[in-house]
PDB file of N, CA and C in Angstrom:
ATOM      1  N   MET A   1     115.996 115.024  25.227  1.00  0.00           N
ATOM      2  CA  MET A   1     114.985 114.357  23.874  1.00  0.00           C
ATOM      3  C   MET A   1     114.644 112.907  24.567  1.00  0.00           C
ATOM      4  N   PHE A   2     115.680 112.275  25.380  1.00  0.00           N
ATOM      5  CA  PHE A   2     115.135 110.879  25.982  1.00  0.00           C
ATOM      6  C   PHE A   2     114.153 111.110  26.741  1.00  0.00           C
ATOM      7  N   PHE A   3     113.715 112.313  27.566  1.00  0.00           N
ATOM      8  CA  PHE A   3     112.759 112.368  28.393  1.00  0.00           C
ATOM      9  C   PHE A   3     111.261 112.597  27.524  1.00  0.00           C
ATOM     10  N   PHE A   4     111.508 112.972  26.468  1.00  0.00           N
ATOM     11  CA  PHE A   4     110.529 113.114  25.693  1.00  0.00           C
ATOM     12  C   PHE A   4     109.677 111.866  25.591  1.00  0.00           C
ATOM     13  N   PHE A   5     110.550 110.978  24.970  1.00  0.00           N
ATOM     14  CA  PHE A   5     110.203 109.737  24.573  1.00  0.00           C
ATOM     15  C   PHE A   5     109.755 108.814  25.544  1.00  0.00           C
ATOM     16  N   ILE A   6     110.136 108.829  27.019  1.00  0.00           N
ATOM     17  CA  ILE A   6     109.869 108.050  27.947  1.00  0.00           C
ATOM     18  C   ILE A   6     108.485 108.768  28.384  1.00  0.00           C
ATOM     19  N   TYR A   7     108.426 110.149  28.495  1.00  0.00           N
ATOM     20  CA  TYR A   7     107.073 110.426  29.010  1.00  0.00           C
ATOM     21  C   TYR A   7     105.863 110.481  28.055  1.00  0.00           C
ATOM     22  N   ALA A   8     106.164 110.558  26.441  1.00  0.00           N
ATOM     23  CA  ALA A   8     105.327 110.487  25.678  1.00  0.00           C
ATOM     24  C   ALA A   8     104.728 108.806  25.778  1.00  0.00           C
ATOM     25  N   ALA A   9     105.641 107.759  25.688  1.00  0.00           N
ATOM     26  CA  ALA A   9     104.954 106.501  25.758  1.00  0.00           C
ATOM     27  C   ALA A   9     104.399 106.283  27.216  1.00  0.00           C
ATOM     28  N   LEU A  10     104.591 106.965  28.442  1.00  0.00           N
ATOM     29  CA  LEU A  10     104.136 106.678  29.717  1.00  0.00           C
ATOM     30  C   LEU A  10     102.521 107.506  29.357  1.00  0.00           C
ATOM     31  N   GLY A  11     102.738 108.846  28.731  1.00  0.00           N
ATOM     32  CA  GLY A  11     101.304 109.615  28.396  1.00  0.00           C
ATOM     33  C   GLY A  11     100.651 108.707  27.840  1.00  0.00           C
ATOM     34  N   VAL A  12     100.827 108.010  26.816  1.00  0.00           N
ATOM     35  CA  VAL A  12      99.821 107.223  25.935  1.00  0.00           C
ATOM     36  C   VAL A  12      99.347 106.093  26.693  1.00  0.00           C
ATOM     37  N   GLU A  13      99.910 105.438  27.759  1.00  0.00           N
ATOM     38  CA  GLU A  13      99.724 104.481  28.528  1.00  0.00           C
ATOM     39  C   GLU A  13      98.722 104.733  29.676  1.00  0.00           C
ATOM     40  N   LEU A  14      98.980 106.143  30.020  1.00  0.00           N
ATOM     41  CA  LEU A  14      98.174 106.719  31.179  1.00  0.00           C
ATOM     42  C   LEU A  14      96.713 107.461  30.706  1.00  0.00           C
ATOM     43  N   PHE A  15      97.200 108.381  29.697  1.00  0.00           N
ATOM     44  CA  PHE A  15      95.680 109.124  29.290  1.00  0.00           C
ATOM     45  C   PHE A  15      95.452 108.741  27.955  1.00  0.00           C
ATOM     46  N   GLY A  16      95.870 107.651  27.091  1.00  0.00           N
ATOM     47  CA  GLY A  16      95.334 107.661  25.777  1.00  0.00           C
ATOM     48  C   GLY A  16      93.985 107.392  25.603  1.00  0.00           C
ATOM     49  N   LYS A  17      93.138 106.763  26.773  1.00  0.00           N
ATOM     50  CA  LYS A  17      91.853 106.664  26.304  1.00  0.00           C
ATOM     51  C   LYS A  17      90.993 107.755  27.116  1.00  0.00           C
ATOM     52  N   LEU A  18      91.625 108.771  27.197  1.00  0.00           N
ATOM     53  CA  LEU A  18      90.398 110.239  27.581  1.00  0.00           C
ATOM     54  C   LEU A  18      89.981 110.617  26.533  1.00  0.00           C
ATOM     55  N   GLU A  19      88.628 110.893  26.459  1.00  0.00           N
ATOM     56  CA  GLU A  19      87.920 111.278  25.884  1.00  0.00           C
ATOM     57  C   GLU A  19      87.396 112.683  26.159  1.00  0.00           C
ATOM     58  N   CYS A  20      86.849 113.872  25.263  1.00  0.00           N
ATOM     59  CA  CYS A  20      86.103 114.778  25.585  1.00  0.00           C
ATOM     60  C   CYS A  20      84.459 114.842  24.984  1.00  0.00           C
ATOM     61  N   SER A  21      83.949 115.116  25.976  1.00  0.00           N
ATOM     62  CA  SER A  21      82.330 115.207  25.646  1.00  0.00           C
ATOM     63  C   SER A  21      81.770 116.272  26.041  1.00  0.00           C
ATOM     64  N   GLU A  22      80.425 116.533  25.858  1.00  0.00           N
ATOM     65  CA  GLU A  22      79.821 117.600  26.433  1.00  0.00           C
ATOM     66  C   GLU A  22      79.604 117.384  27.727  1.00  0.00           C
ATOM     67  N   ASP A  23      79.480 116.225  28.318  1.00  0.00           N
ATOM     68  CA  ASP A  23      79.394 115.708  29.811  1.00  0.00           C
ATOM     69  C   ASP A  23      80.808 116.235  30.584  1.00  0.00           C
ATOM     70  N   PHE A  24      81.927 115.930  29.793  1.00  0.00           N
ATOM     71  CA  PHE A  24      83.097 116.088  30.014  1.00  0.00           C
ATOM     72  C   PHE A  24      84.146 116.925  29.025  1.00  0.00           C
ATOM     73  N   PRO A  25      83.635 118.147  29.180  1.00  0.00           N
ATOM     74  CA  PRO A  25      84.394 119.047  28.460  1.00  0.00           C
ATOM     75  C   PRO A  25      85.890 119.394  28.586  1.00  0.00           C
ATOM     76  N   CYS A  26      86.923 119.570  27.735  1.00  0.00           N
ATOM     77  CA  CYS A  26      88.243 119.631  27.797  1.00  0.00           C
ATOM     78  C   CYS A  26      88.627 120.642  27.853  1.00  0.00           C
ATOM     79  N   LEU A  27      89.475 121.327  28.665  1.00  0.00           N
ATOM     80  CA  LEU A  27      89.954 122.579  28.685  1.00  0.00           C
ATOM     81  C   LEU A  27      91.468 122.785  27.566  1.00  0.00           C
ATOM     82  N   GLY A  28      92.169 121.592  27.748  1.00  0.00           N
ATOM     83  CA  GLY A  28      93.756 121.786  26.890  1.00  0.00           C
ATOM     84  C   GLY A  28      93.593 120.484  25.839  1.00  0.00           C
ATOM     85  N   LEU A  29      92.948 119.440  26.003  1.00  0.00           N
ATOM     86  CA  LEU A  29      93.274 118.353  25.170  1.00  0.00           C
ATOM     87  C   LEU A  29      92.186 118.943  24.003  1.00  0.00           C
ATOM     88  N   HIS A  30      92.365 118.174  22.704  1.00  0.00           N
ATOM     89  CA  HIS A  30      91.555 118.264  21.499  1.00  0.00           C
ATOM     90  C   HIS A  30      92.400 117.628  20.578  1.00  0.00           C
ATOM     91  N   ARG A  31      91.767 117.917  19.521  1.00  0.00           N
ATOM     92  CA  ARG A  31      92.250 116.931  18.045  1.00  0.00           C
ATOM     93  C   ARG A  31      93.807 116.987  18.137  1.00  0.00           C
ATOM     94  N   HIS A  32      94.365 118.261  18.376  1.00  0.00           N
ATOM     95  CA  HIS A  32      95.794 118.262  17.835  1.00  0.00           C
ATOM     96  C   HIS A  32      96.474 118.129  19.236  1.00  0.00           C
ATOM     97  N   THR A  33      95.968 118.174  20.389  1.00  0.00           N
ATOM     98  CA  THR A  33      96.722 117.993  21.628  1.00  0.00           C
ATOM     99  C   THR A  33      96.289 116.876  22.596  1.00  0.00           C
ATOM    100  N   ASN A  34      96.644 115.768  22.507  1.00  0.00           N
ATOM    101  CA  ASN A  34      96.036 114.642  22.958  1.00  0.00           C
ATOM    102  C   ASN A  34      97.279 113.560  23.191  1.00  0.00           C
ATOM    103  N   PHE A  35      96.894 112.563  23.812  1.00  0.00           N
ATOM    104  CA  PHE A  35      97.752 111.057  23.881  1.00  0.00           C
ATOM    105  C   PHE A  35      97.210 109.941  23.188  1.00  0.00           C
ATOM    106  N   GLU A  36      96.660 110.279  22.512  1.00  0.00           N
ATOM    107  CA  GLU A  36      95.865 109.088  21.944  1.00  0.00           C
ATOM    108  C   GLU A  36      96.961 107.976  20.935  1.00  0.00           C
ATOM    109  N   ASN A  37      98.063 108.519  20.429  1.00  0.00           N
ATOM    110  CA  ASN A  37      99.074 107.749  19.831  1.00  0.00           C
ATOM    111  C   ASN A  37     100.606 108.696  20.401  1.00  0.00           C
ATOM    112  N   PHE A  38     101.603 107.915  19.685  1.00  0.00           N
ATOM    113  CA  PHE A  38     102.892 108.415  20.109  1.00  0.00           C
ATOM    114  C   PHE A  38     103.354 109.606  19.650  1.00  0.00           C
ATOM    115  N   GLY A  39     103.358 110.067  18.604  1.00  0.00           N
ATOM    116  CA  GLY A  39     103.585 111.030  17.808  1.00  0.00           C
ATOM    117  C   GLY A  39     102.680 112.487  18.251  1.00  0.00           C
ATOM    118  N   VAL A  40     101.338 112.150  18.396  1.00  0.00           N
ATOM    119  CA  VAL A  40     100.865 113.225  18.980  1.00  0.00           C
ATOM    120  C   VAL A  40     100.997 113.564  20.542  1.00  0.00           C
ATOM    121  N   ALA A  41     101.489 112.591  21.173  1.00  0.00           N
ATOM    122  CA  ALA A  41     101.914 112.880  22.495  1.00  0.00           C
ATOM    123  C   ALA A  41     103.223 113.590  22.415  1.00  0.00           C
ATOM    124  N   LEU A  42     104.136 113.377  21.721  1.00  0.00           N
ATOM    125  CA  LEU A  42     105.453 113.996  21.725  1.00  0.00           C
ATOM    126  C   LEU A  42     105.169 115.568  21.534  1.00  0.00           C
ATOM    127  N   LEU A  43     104.201 115.757  20.561  1.00  0.00           N
ATOM    128  CA  LEU A  43     104.022 117.128  20.064  1.00  0.00           C
ATOM    129  C   LEU A  43     103.132 117.857  21.302  1.00  0.00           C
ATOM    130  N   THR A  44     102.210 117.154  22.008  1.00  0.00           N
ATOM    131  CA  THR A  44     101.770 117.691  23.191  1.00  0.00           C
ATOM    132  C   THR A  44     102.590 117.536  24.359  1.00  0.00           C
ATOM    133  N   LEU A  45     103.733 117.259  24.628  1.00  0.00           N
ATOM    134  CA  LEU A  45     104.426 117.200  25.400  1.00  0.00           C
ATOM    135  C   LEU A  45     105.384 118.552  24.892  1.00  0.00           C
ATOM    136  N   TYR A  46     105.651 118.685  23.927  1.00  0.00           N
ATOM    137  CA  TYR A  46     106.365 119.846  23.426  1.00  0.00           C
ATOM    138  C   TYR A  46     105.559 120.880  23.600  1.00  0.00           C
ATOM    139  N   LYS A  47     104.196 121.379  23.417  1.00  0.00           N
ATOM    140  CA  LYS A  47     103.537 122.307  24.123  1.00  0.00           C
ATOM    141  C   LYS A  47     103.406 122.283  25.297  1.00  0.00           C
ATOM    142  N   VAL A  48     103.731 121.224  26.294  1.00  0.00           N
ATOM    143  CA  VAL A  48     103.690 121.439  27.368  1.00  0.00           C
ATOM    144  C   VAL A  48     104.872 122.082  28.048  1.00  0.00           C
ATOM    145  N   CYS A  49     106.099 121.577  27.283  1.00  0.00           N
ATOM    146  CA  CYS A  49     107.399 122.440  27.830  1.00  0.00           C
ATOM    147  C   CYS A  49     107.433 123.893  27.497  1.00  0.00           C
ATOM    148  N   THR A  50     106.732 124.414  26.667  1.00  0.00           N
ATOM    149  CA  THR A  50     106.703 125.716  26.152  1.00  0.00           C
ATOM    150  C   THR A  50     106.005 126.200  27.324  1.00  0.00           C
ATOM    151  N   GLY A  51     105.014 125.723  28.082  1.00  0.00           N
ATOM    152  CA  GLY A  51     104.135 126.192  28.961  1.00  0.00           C
ATOM    153  C   GLY A  51     102.764 126.766  28.469  1.00  0.00           C
ATOM    154  N   ASP A  52     102.629 126.532  27.368  1.00  0.00           N
ATOM    155  CA  ASP A  52     101.224 126.609  26.561  1.00  0.00           C
ATOM    156  C   ASP A  52     100.098 125.807  26.980  1.00  0.00           C
ATOM    157  N   ASN A  53      99.272 126.624  28.059  1.00  0.00           N
ATOM    158  CA  ASN A  53      98.019 125.705  28.548  1.00  0.00           C
ATOM    159  C   ASN A  53      98.258 124.510  29.285  1.00  0.00           C
ATOM    160  N   TRP A  54      99.650 124.110  29.720  1.00  0.00           N
ATOM    161  CA  TRP A  54      99.674 123.032  30.452  1.00  0.00           C
ATOM    162  C   TRP A  54      98.833 122.752  31.671  1.00  0.00           C
ATOM    163  N   SER A  55      98.470 123.837  32.095  1.00  0.00           N
ATOM    164  CA  SER A  55      97.506 123.760  33.297  1.00  0.00           C
ATOM    165  C   SER A  55      96.109 123.150  32.921  1.00  0.00           C
ATOM    166  N   GLY A  56      95.829 123.411  31.592  1.00  0.00           N
ATOM    167  CA  GLY A  56      94.586 122.969  31.075  1.00  0.00           C
ATOM    168  C   GLY A  56      94.419 121.544  30.695  1.00  0.00           C
ATOM    169  N   ILE A  57      95.757 121.227  30.337  1.00  0.00           N
ATOM    170  CA  ILE A  57      95.971 119.721  29.842  1.00  0.00           C
ATOM    171  C   ILE A  57      95.939 118.922  31.323  1.00  0.00           C
ATOM    172  N   LEU A  58      96.585 119.343  32.388  1.00  0.00           N
ATOM    173  CA  LEU A  58      96.461 118.943  33.399  1.00  0.00           C
ATOM    174  C   LEU A  58      95.336 118.603  34.109  1.00  0.00           C
ATOM    175  N   LYS A  59      94.451 119.648  34.097  1.00  0.00           N
ATOM    176  CA  LYS A  59      92.936 119.282  34.446  1.00  0.00           C
ATOM    177  C   LYS A  59      92.158 118.514  33.849  1.00  0.00           C
ATOM    178  N   ASP A  60      92.467 118.207  32.651  1.00  0.00           N
ATOM    179  CA  ASP A  60      91.872 117.688  31.487  1.00  0.00           C
ATOM    180  C   ASP A  60      92.083 116.075  31.986  1.00  0.00           C
ATOM    181  N   THR A  61      93.474 115.876  32.521  1.00  0.00           N
ATOM    182  CA  THR A  61      93.810 114.387  32.766  1.00  0.00           C
ATOM    183  C   THR A  61      93.586 114.212  34.448  1.00  0.00           C
ATOM    184  N   MET A  62      93.136 115.066  35.062  1.00  0.00           N
ATOM    185  CA  MET A  62      92.772 114.701  36.444  1.00  0.00           C
ATOM    186  C   MET A  62      91.085 114.449  36.558  1.00  0.00           C
ATOM    187  N   ARG A  63      90.622 114.533  35.628  1.00  0.00           N
ATOM    188  CA  ARG A  63      89.279 114.165  35.872  1.00  0.00           C
ATOM    189  C   ARG A  63      88.667 113.110  36.431  1.00  0.00           C
ATOM    190  N   GLU A  64      87.608 113.242  37.246  1.00  0.00           N
ATOM    191  CA  GLU A  64      86.935 112.129  37.933  1.00  0.00           C
ATOM    192  C   GLU A  64      86.316 111.289  37.075  1.00  0.00           C
ATOM    193  N   CYS A  65      86.342 109.873  37.390  1.00  0.00           N
ATOM    194  CA  CYS A  65      85.787 108.823  36.451  1.00  0.00           C
ATOM    195  C   CYS A  65      83.988 108.859  36.707  1.00  0.00           C
ATOM    196  N   ARG A  66      83.572 108.445  35.542  1.00  0.00           N
ATOM    197  CA  ARG A  66      81.880 108.671  35.880  1.00  0.00           C
ATOM    198  C   ARG A  66      81.509 107.286  36.175  1.00  0.00           C
ATOM    199  N   VAL A  67      80.491 107.211  36.869  1.00  0.00           N
ATOM    200  CA  VAL A  67      79.929 106.099  37.605  1.00  0.00           C
ATOM    201  C   VAL A  67      79.662 104.910  36.423  1.00  0.00           C
ATOM    202  N   GLY A  68      80.085 103.959  36.717  1.00  0.00           N
ATOM    203  CA  GLY A  68      80.110 102.675  35.692  1.00  0.00           C
ATOM    204  C   GLY A  68      80.878 102.792  34.489  1.00  0.00           C
ATOM    205  N   ASP A  69      81.928 103.944  34.526  1.00  0.00           N
ATOM    206  CA  ASP A  69      82.856 103.473  33.644  1.00  0.00           C
ATOM    207  C   ASP A  69      84.111 102.748  33.923  1.00  0.00           C
ATOM    208  N   SER A  70      83.865 101.727  33.165  1.00  0.00           N
ATOM    209  CA  SER A  70      85.267 100.782  33.615  1.00  0.00           C
ATOM    210  C   SER A  70      86.441 100.887  32.839  1.00  0.00           C
ATOM    211  N   ASP A  71      86.287 101.811  31.771  1.00  0.00           N
ATOM    212  CA  ASP A  71      87.700 101.946  31.131  1.00  0.00           C
ATOM    213  C   ASP A  71      88.571 103.090  31.876  1.00  0.00           C
ATOM    214  N   CYS A  72      87.839 103.761  32.938  1.00  0.00           N
ATOM    215  CA  CYS A  72      88.661 105.024  33.472  1.00  0.00           C
ATOM    216  C   CYS A  72      89.281 104.346  34.631  1.00  0.00           C
ATOM    217  N   PRO A  73      90.654 104.944  34.584  1.00  0.00           N
ATOM    218  CA  PRO A  73      91.598 104.314  35.742  1.00  0.00           C
ATOM    219  C   PRO A  73      91.271 105.568  36.681  1.00  0.00           C
ATOM    220  N   SER A  74      91.201 105.076  37.838  1.00  0.00           N
ATOM    221  CA  SER A  74      90.899 105.704  39.011  1.00  0.00           C
ATOM    222  C   SER A  74      92.196 106.368  39.652  1.00  0.00           C
ATOM    223  N   TYR A  75      93.331 105.950  39.430  1.00  0.00           N
ATOM    224  CA  TYR A  75      94.520 106.544  39.737  1.00  0.00           C
ATOM    225  C   TYR A  75      95.003 107.814  38.853  1.00  0.00           C
ATOM    226  N   LEU A  76      94.088 108.340  38.031  1.00  0.00           N
ATOM    227  CA  LEU A  76      94.439 109.569  37.430  1.00  0.00           C
ATOM    228  C   LEU A  76      94.619 111.036  38.149  1.00  0.00           C
ATOM    229  N   PHE A  77      93.583 110.886  38.893  1.00  0.00           N
ATOM    230  CA  PHE A  77      93.835 112.269  40.211  1.00  0.00           C
ATOM    231  C   PHE A  77      94.832 112.220  40.810  1.00  0.00           C
ATOM    232  N   TRP A  78      95.833 111.504  41.213  1.00  0.00           N
ATOM    233  CA  TRP A  78      97.269 111.395  41.940  1.00  0.00           C
ATOM    234  C   TRP A  78      98.148 111.323  40.858  1.00  0.00           C
ATOM    235  N   ALA A  79      98.086 110.313  39.915  1.00  0.00           N
ATOM    236  CA  ALA A  79      99.137 109.942  38.743  1.00  0.00           C
ATOM    237  C   ALA A  79      99.459 111.291  37.715  1.00  0.00           C
ATOM    238  N   SER A  80      98.371 112.034  37.540  1.00  0.00           N
ATOM    239  CA  SER A  80      98.386 113.001  36.733  1.00  0.00           C
ATOM    240  C   SER A  80      99.473 114.283  37.010  1.00  0.00           C
ATOM    241  N   PRO A  81      99.368 114.872  38.215  1.00  0.00           N
ATOM    242  CA  PRO A  81     100.064 115.585  38.853  1.00  0.00           C
ATOM    243  C   PRO A  81     101.338 115.220  39.091  1.00  0.00           C
ATOM    244  N   ILE A  82     101.651 114.266  39.199  1.00  0.00           N
ATOM    245  CA  ILE A  82     103.128 113.750  39.402  1.00  0.00           C
ATOM    246  C   ILE A  82     103.668 113.654  37.935  1.00  0.00           C
ATOM    247  N   PHE A  83     103.063 112.941  37.008  1.00  0.00           N
ATOM    248  CA  PHE A  83     103.189 112.823  35.659  1.00  0.00           C
ATOM    249  C   PHE A  83     103.758 114.358  34.967  1.00  0.00           C
ATOM    250  N   PHE A  84     102.939 115.238  35.254  1.00  0.00           N
ATOM    251  CA  PHE A  84     103.261 116.720  34.555  1.00  0.00           C
ATOM    252  C   PHE A  84     104.154 117.578  35.417  1.00  0.00           C
ATOM    253  N   ILE A  85     104.301 117.364  36.598  1.00  0.00           N
ATOM    254  CA  ILE A  85     105.160 118.190  37.567  1.00  0.00           C
ATOM    255  C   ILE A  85     106.348 117.648  37.223  1.00  0.00           C
ATOM    256  N   THR A  86     106.605 116.678  37.463  1.00  0.00           N
ATOM    257  CA  THR A  86     108.006 115.985  37.153  1.00  0.00           C
ATOM    258  C   THR A  86     108.484 116.404  35.630  1.00  0.00           C
ATOM    259  N   PHE A  87     107.632 116.171  34.766  1.00  0.00           N
ATOM    260  CA  PHE A  87     108.221 116.502  33.267  1.00  0.00           C
ATOM    261  C   PHE A  87     108.543 117.945  33.312  1.00  0.00           C
ATOM    262  N   VAL A  88     107.645 118.826  33.841  1.00  0.00           N
ATOM    263  CA  VAL A  88     107.867 120.221  33.442  1.00  0.00           C
ATOM    264  C   VAL A  88     109.173 120.538  34.233  1.00  0.00           C
ATOM    265  N   VAL A  89     109.460 120.126  35.449  1.00  0.00           N
ATOM    266  CA  VAL A  89     110.653 120.398  36.082  1.00  0.00           C
ATOM    267  C   VAL A  89     111.929 120.175  35.525  1.00  0.00           C
ATOM    268  N   MET A  90     111.976 118.609  34.916  1.00  0.00           N
ATOM    269  CA  MET A  90     113.261 118.116  34.328  1.00  0.00           C
ATOM    270  C   MET A  90     113.119 119.035  33.107  1.00  0.00           C
ATOM    271  N   VAL A  91     112.367 119.141  32.267  1.00  0.00           N
ATOM    272  CA  VAL A  91     112.486 119.785  30.892  1.00  0.00           C
ATOM    273  C   VAL A  91     113.023 121.339  31.556  1.00  0.00           C
ATOM    274  N   GLN A  92     112.195 121.900  32.642  1.00  0.00           N
ATOM    275  CA  GLN A  92     112.993 123.556  32.669  1.00  0.00           C
ATOM    276  C   GLN A  92     114.083 123.339  33.160  1.00  0.00           C
ATOM    277  N   PHE A  93     114.591 122.289  33.896  1.00  0.00           N
ATOM    278  CA  PHE A  93     116.135 121.989  34.392  1.00  0.00           C
ATOM    279  C   PHE A  93     116.883 122.026  33.399  1.00  0.00           C
ATOM    280  N   VAL A  94     116.888 121.109  32.139  1.00  0.00           N
ATOM    281  CA  VAL A  94     117.343 121.208  30.890  1.00  0.00           C
ATOM    282  C   VAL A  94     117.402 122.585  29.902  1.00  0.00           C
ATOM    283  N   LEU A  95     116.380 123.388  30.068  1.00  0.00           N
ATOM    284  CA  LEU A  95     116.434 124.351  29.179  1.00  0.00           C
ATOM    285  C   LEU A  95     117.169 125.545  29.891  1.00  0.00           C
ATOM    286  N   VAL A  96     117.049 125.730  31.109  1.00  0.00           N
ATOM    287  CA  VAL A  96     117.906 126.506  31.852  1.00  0.00           C
ATOM    288  C   VAL A  96     119.424 126.239  31.715  1.00  0.00           C
ATOM    289  N   ASN A  97     119.889 124.905  31.558  1.00  0.00           N
ATOM    290  CA  ASN A  97     121.124 124.507  31.494  1.00  0.00           C
ATOM    291  C   ASN A  97     121.590 124.734  30.002  1.00  0.00           C
ATOM    292  N   LEU A  98     120.780 124.972  28.970  1.00  0.00           N
ATOM    293  CA  LEU A  98     120.910 125.348  27.439  1.00  0.00           C
ATOM    294  C   LEU A  98     121.140 126.714  27.568  1.00  0.00           C
ATOM    295  N   VAL A  99     120.297 127.612  28.339  1.00  0.00           N
ATOM    296  CA  VAL A  99     120.691 128.900  28.207  1.00  0.00           C
ATOM    297  C   VAL A  99     121.881 129.214  28.923  1.00  0.00           C
ATOM    298  N   VAL A 100     122.205 128.554  29.893  1.00  0.00           N
ATOM    299  CA  VAL A 100     123.520 129.048  30.998  1.00  0.00           C
ATOM    300  C   VAL A 100     124.841 128.436  29.862  1.00  0.00           C
ATOM    301  N   ALA A 101     124.799 127.206  29.379  1.00  0.00           N
ATOM    302  CA  ALA A 101     125.690 127.020  28.347  1.00  0.00           C
ATOM    303  C   ALA A 101     125.739 127.841  27.259  1.00  0.00           C
ATOM    304  N   ALA A 102     124.609 128.491  26.566  1.00  0.00           N
ATOM    305  CA  ALA A 102     124.987 129.409  25.338  1.00  0.00           C
ATOM    306  C   ALA A 102     125.516 130.913  25.869  1.00  0.00           C
ATOM    307  N   ILE A 103     124.963 131.020  27.055  1.00  0.00           N
ATOM    308  CA  ILE A 103     125.775 132.399  27.683  1.00  0.00           C
ATOM    309  C   ILE A 103     127.145 132.146  27.889  1.00  0.00           C
ATOM    310  N   MET A 104     127.670 131.013  28.380  1.00  0.00           N
ATOM    311  CA  MET A 104     129.082 130.497  28.514  1.00  0.00           C
ATOM    312  C   MET A 104     129.771 130.722  27.420  1.00  0.00           C
ATOM    313  N   GLN A 105     128.881 130.250  26.338  1.00  0.00           N
ATOM    314  CA  GLN A 105     129.726 130.161  24.915  1.00  0.00           C
ATOM    315  C   GLN A 105     129.846 131.286  24.435  1.00  0.00           C
ATOM    316  N   ALA A 106     129.009 132.388  24.414  1.00  0.00           N
ATOM    317  CA  ALA A 106     129.043 133.594  24.028  1.00  0.00           C
ATOM    318  C   ALA A 106     130.276 134.293  24.871  1.00  0.00           C
ATOM    319  N   LEU A 107     130.174 134.223  25.932  1.00  0.00           N
ATOM    320  CA  LEU A 107     131.544 134.972  27.014  1.00  0.00           C
ATOM    321  C   LEU A 107     132.788 134.360  26.584  1.00  0.00           C
ATOM    322  N   GLU A 108     133.014 133.442  26.308  1.00  0.00           N
ATOM    323  CA  GLU A 108     134.185 132.501  25.603  1.00  0.00           C
ATOM    324  C   GLU A 108     134.656 132.753  24.295  1.00  0.00           C
ATOM    325  N   ASP A 109     133.945 133.263  23.674  1.00  0.00           N
ATOM    326  CA  ASP A 109     133.822 133.502  22.253  1.00  0.00           C
ATOM    327  C   ASP A 109     134.327 135.275  22.289  1.00  0.00           C
ATOM    328  N   SER A 110     133.706 135.737  23.137  1.00  0.00           N
ATOM    329  CA  SER A 110     133.850 137.250  22.961  1.00  0.00           C
ATOM    330  C   SER A 110     135.573 137.476  23.837  1.00  0.00           C
ATOM    331  N   THR A 111     135.816 136.752  24.674  1.00  0.00           N
ATOM    332  CA  THR A 111     137.180 136.835  25.160  1.00  0.00           C
ATOM    333  C   THR A 111     138.199 136.554  24.231  1.00  0.00           C
ATOM    334  N   GLU A 112     138.120 135.237  23.286  1.00  0.00           N
ATOM    335  CA  GLU A 112     138.724 134.913  22.219  1.00  0.00           C
ATOM    336  C   GLU A 112     139.013 136.130  21.341  1.00  0.00           C
ATOM    337  N   VAL A 113     137.869 136.827  20.827  1.00  0.00           N
ATOM    338  CA  VAL A 113     138.246 137.803  19.929  1.00  0.00           C
ATOM    339  C   VAL A 113     138.804 139.011  20.414  1.00  0.00           C
ATOM    340  N   LYS A 114     138.447 139.041  21.854  1.00  0.00           N
ATOM    341  CA  LYS A 114     139.417 140.311  22.302  1.00  0.00           C
ATOM    342  C   LYS A 114     140.914 140.029  22.541  1.00  0.00           C
ATOM    343  N   LEU A 115     141.085 138.650  22.732  1.00  0.00           N
ATOM    344  CA  LEU A 115     142.525 138.495  22.926  1.00  0.00           C
ATOM    345  C   LEU A 115     143.414 138.657  21.540  1.00  0.00           C
ATOM    346  N   ARG A 116     142.591 137.829  20.561  1.00  0.00           N
ATOM    347  CA  ARG A 116     143.015 138.514  18.773  1.00  0.00           C
ATOM    348  C   ARG A 116     143.316 139.674  18.840  1.00  0.00           C
ATOM    349  N   PHE A 117     142.349 140.571  19.086  1.00  0.00           N
ATOM    350  CA  PHE A 117     142.662 142.034  18.981  1.00  0.00           C
ATOM    351  C   PHE A 117     143.581 142.621  19.428  1.00  0.00           C
ATOM    352  N   MET A 118     143.762 142.327  21.095  1.00  0.00           N
ATOM    353  CA  MET A 118     144.695 142.869  21.606  1.00  0.00           C
ATOM    354  C   MET A 118     146.326 142.386  21.015  1.00  0.00           C
ATOM    355  N   ASP A 119     146.461 141.041  20.608  1.00  0.00           N
ATOM    356  CA  ASP A 119     147.558 140.579  20.146  1.00  0.00           C
ATOM    357  C   ASP A 119     147.759 141.261  18.633  1.00  0.00           C
ATOM    358  N   GLN A 120     146.948 141.336  17.882  1.00  0.00           N
ATOM    359  CA  GLN A 120     147.172 142.076  16.781  1.00  0.00           C
ATOM    360  C   GLN A 120     147.548 143.813  16.707  1.00  0.00           C
ATOM    361  N   HIS A 121     146.964 144.179  17.882  1.00  0.00           N
ATOM    362  CA  HIS A 121     147.275 145.572  18.384  1.00  0.00           C
ATOM    363  C   HIS A 121     148.643 145.440  18.874  1.00  0.00           C
ATOM    364  N   LYS A 122     149.290 144.714  19.403  1.00  0.00           N
ATOM    365  CA  LYS A 122     150.702 144.550  19.866  1.00  0.00           C
ATOM    366  C   LYS A 122     151.501 144.467  18.823  1.00  0.00           C
ATOM    367  N   LEU A 123     151.308 143.907  18.090  1.00  0.00           N
ATOM    368  CA  LEU A 123     151.863 143.509  16.744  1.00  0.00           C
ATOM    369  C   LEU A 123     152.355 144.815  15.913  1.00  0.00           C
ATOM    370  N   GLU A 124     151.117 145.370  15.767  1.00  0.00           N
ATOM    371  CA  GLU A 124     151.076 146.689  15.077  1.00  0.00           C
ATOM    372  C   GLU A 124     152.103 147.813  15.830  1.00  0.00           C
ATOM    373  N   ARG A 125     152.065 147.700  17.081  1.00  0.00           N
ATOM    374  CA  ARG A 125     152.868 148.836  17.881  1.00  0.00           C
ATOM    375  C   ARG A 125     154.311 148.435  17.939  1.00  0.00           C
ATOM    376  N   VAL A 126     154.689 146.942  17.644  1.00  0.00           N
ATOM    377  CA  VAL A 126     156.213 146.632  17.520  1.00  0.00           C
ATOM    378  C   VAL A 126     156.601 147.053  16.208  1.00  0.00           C
ATOM    379  N   HIS A 127     155.752 146.808  15.081  1.00  0.00           N
ATOM    380  CA  HIS A 127     156.241 147.021  13.704  1.00  0.00           C
ATOM    381  C   HIS A 127     155.963 148.593  13.371  1.00  0.00           C
ATOM    382  N   ASP A 128     155.604 149.489  14.351  1.00  0.00           N
ATOM    383  CA  ASP A 128     155.621 150.887  14.343  1.00  0.00           C
ATOM    384  C   ASP A 128     156.710 151.453  14.661  1.00  0.00           C
TER     385      ASP A 128
END
């Protein structure tokens, strides 16, 4: 969750002023998926971590600046891939660890149940 806060703040700073228009249509960014404010940026990053059209969002953030557009930062073309690839790799690493932890917990629980069953079965044999 800590990564989400860091990347949301960074996303607002890097991509908060990107706008979609008829000259520059967006493939992934729209009213509910953008970096204009912190809350929506968190939701956008959640969408990215699920893999839902994150490549479209990446393409939208890598756009080239229009001639005479002083608000458009020129570093987006190389900063955007670094931002999204590092975020996706870290989040996927965390998600894989969560899946492995859930599997390990299920195996541990099944072993405990099996041992209890075996102990109960041994007690029944002694009493018979």
